Amino acid sequence: MGPRPNLPRRIGRDIIASPSLASYPSQIVHEEYPDACLKAAGETGLPEEIFPQDCPFTIDQILDETFYPETD
C-alpha cells in the first residue's frame, strides 16, 4: 500500500466545508476496521486475534499525514 497523498487534507477540507460530515470518518473506521484486520491477517499470515478488536488510533491520528505509530 502506498502513501495517501493529500487524502487527510482533502477529508479535513470536506468536513470544514460541510460540518454535517464530521462524524463520517468515525463511522467509516468503525465499519471498515474489522475487514481491514481480516485483510491484514491474510496478507501477513498473522492470526486475526493479534489485531486489536477496535481501531487503536484516533481519527486525528489517522488523518495526520505525519503520524506513524510507535512500536515497542
Protein backbone atom coordinates (compact mmCIF):
# COMPACT_ATOMS: atom_id res chain seq x y z
CA MET A 1 0.00 0.00 0.00
CA GLY A 2 1.44 3.35 -0.99
CA PRO A 3 1.27 6.75 0.62
CA ARG A 4 -2.00 8.61 0.98
CA PRO A 5 -1.15 11.86 -0.79
CA ASN A 6 -3.47 14.72 0.14
CA LEU A 7 -6.21 12.41 1.42
CA PRO A 8 -6.13 13.69 5.03
CA ARG A 9 -6.15 17.31 3.85
CA ARG A 10 -9.00 16.62 1.45
CA ILE A 11 -11.08 14.94 4.15
CA GLY A 12 -10.36 17.86 6.51
CA ARG A 13 -11.44 20.39 3.87
CA ASP A 14 -14.61 18.43 3.16
CA ILE A 15 -15.50 18.39 6.85
CA ILE A 16 -14.88 22.14 7.18
CA ALA A 17 -16.99 22.79 4.10
CA SER A 18 -19.79 20.56 5.32
CA PRO A 19 -19.82 20.14 9.12
CA SER A 20 -22.53 17.51 8.83
CA LEU A 21 -19.76 15.17 7.61
CA ALA A 22 -17.81 15.47 10.90
CA SER A 23 -18.95 12.07 12.18
CA TYR A 24 -18.40 10.32 8.86
CA PRO A 25 -14.71 9.37 9.34
CA SER A 26 -15.52 7.70 12.67
CA GLN A 27 -18.40 5.79 11.12
CA ILE A 28 -16.22 4.54 8.28
CA VAL A 29 -13.41 3.44 10.61
CA HIS A 30 -15.92 1.63 12.80
CA GLU A 31 -17.46 -0.14 9.78
CA GLU A 32 -14.27 -0.92 7.86
CA TYR A 33 -11.75 -1.74 10.60
CA PRO A 34 -12.86 -5.39 11.05
CA ASP A 35 -12.49 -6.02 7.30
CA ALA A 36 -9.11 -4.29 7.30
CA CYS A 37 -7.97 -6.64 10.09
CA LEU A 38 -9.08 -9.67 8.08
CA LYS A 39 -7.21 -8.38 5.04
CA ALA A 40 -4.10 -7.62 7.09
CA ALA A 41 -4.21 -11.10 8.64
CA GLY A 42 -4.48 -12.67 5.20
CA GLU A 43 -1.68 -10.57 3.73
CA THR A 44 0.71 -11.02 6.65
CA GLY A 45 -0.10 -14.57 7.66
CA LEU A 46 -0.61 -13.35 11.24
CA PRO A 47 -3.57 -14.69 13.22
CA GLU A 48 -6.60 -12.40 13.19
CA GLU A 49 -6.62 -12.41 17.00
CA ILE A 50 -3.33 -10.48 17.10
CA PHE A 51 -5.04 -7.32 15.85
CA PRO A 52 -6.91 -5.15 18.37
CA GLN A 53 -10.67 -5.62 18.29
CA ASP A 54 -11.18 -1.86 17.99
CA CYS A 55 -9.05 0.54 16.00
CA PRO A 56 -6.34 1.81 18.37
CA PHE A 57 -5.94 5.15 16.59
CA THR A 58 -7.97 8.33 16.81
CA ILE A 59 -9.40 9.97 13.72
CA ASP A 60 -6.93 12.82 14.22
CA GLN A 61 -4.05 10.33 14.16
CA ILE A 62 -5.42 8.57 11.08
CA LEU A 63 -5.79 11.87 9.23
CA ASP A 64 -2.38 13.20 10.36
CA GLU A 65 -0.01 12.69 7.44
CA THR A 66 2.98 12.83 9.80
CA PHE A 67 1.65 10.32 12.35
CA TYR A 68 3.42 6.99 12.45
CA PRO A 69 2.63 4.61 15.31
CA GLU A 70 5.50 3.79 17.62
CA THR A 71 6.38 0.16 18.09
CA ASP A 72 7.81 -1.47 21.19
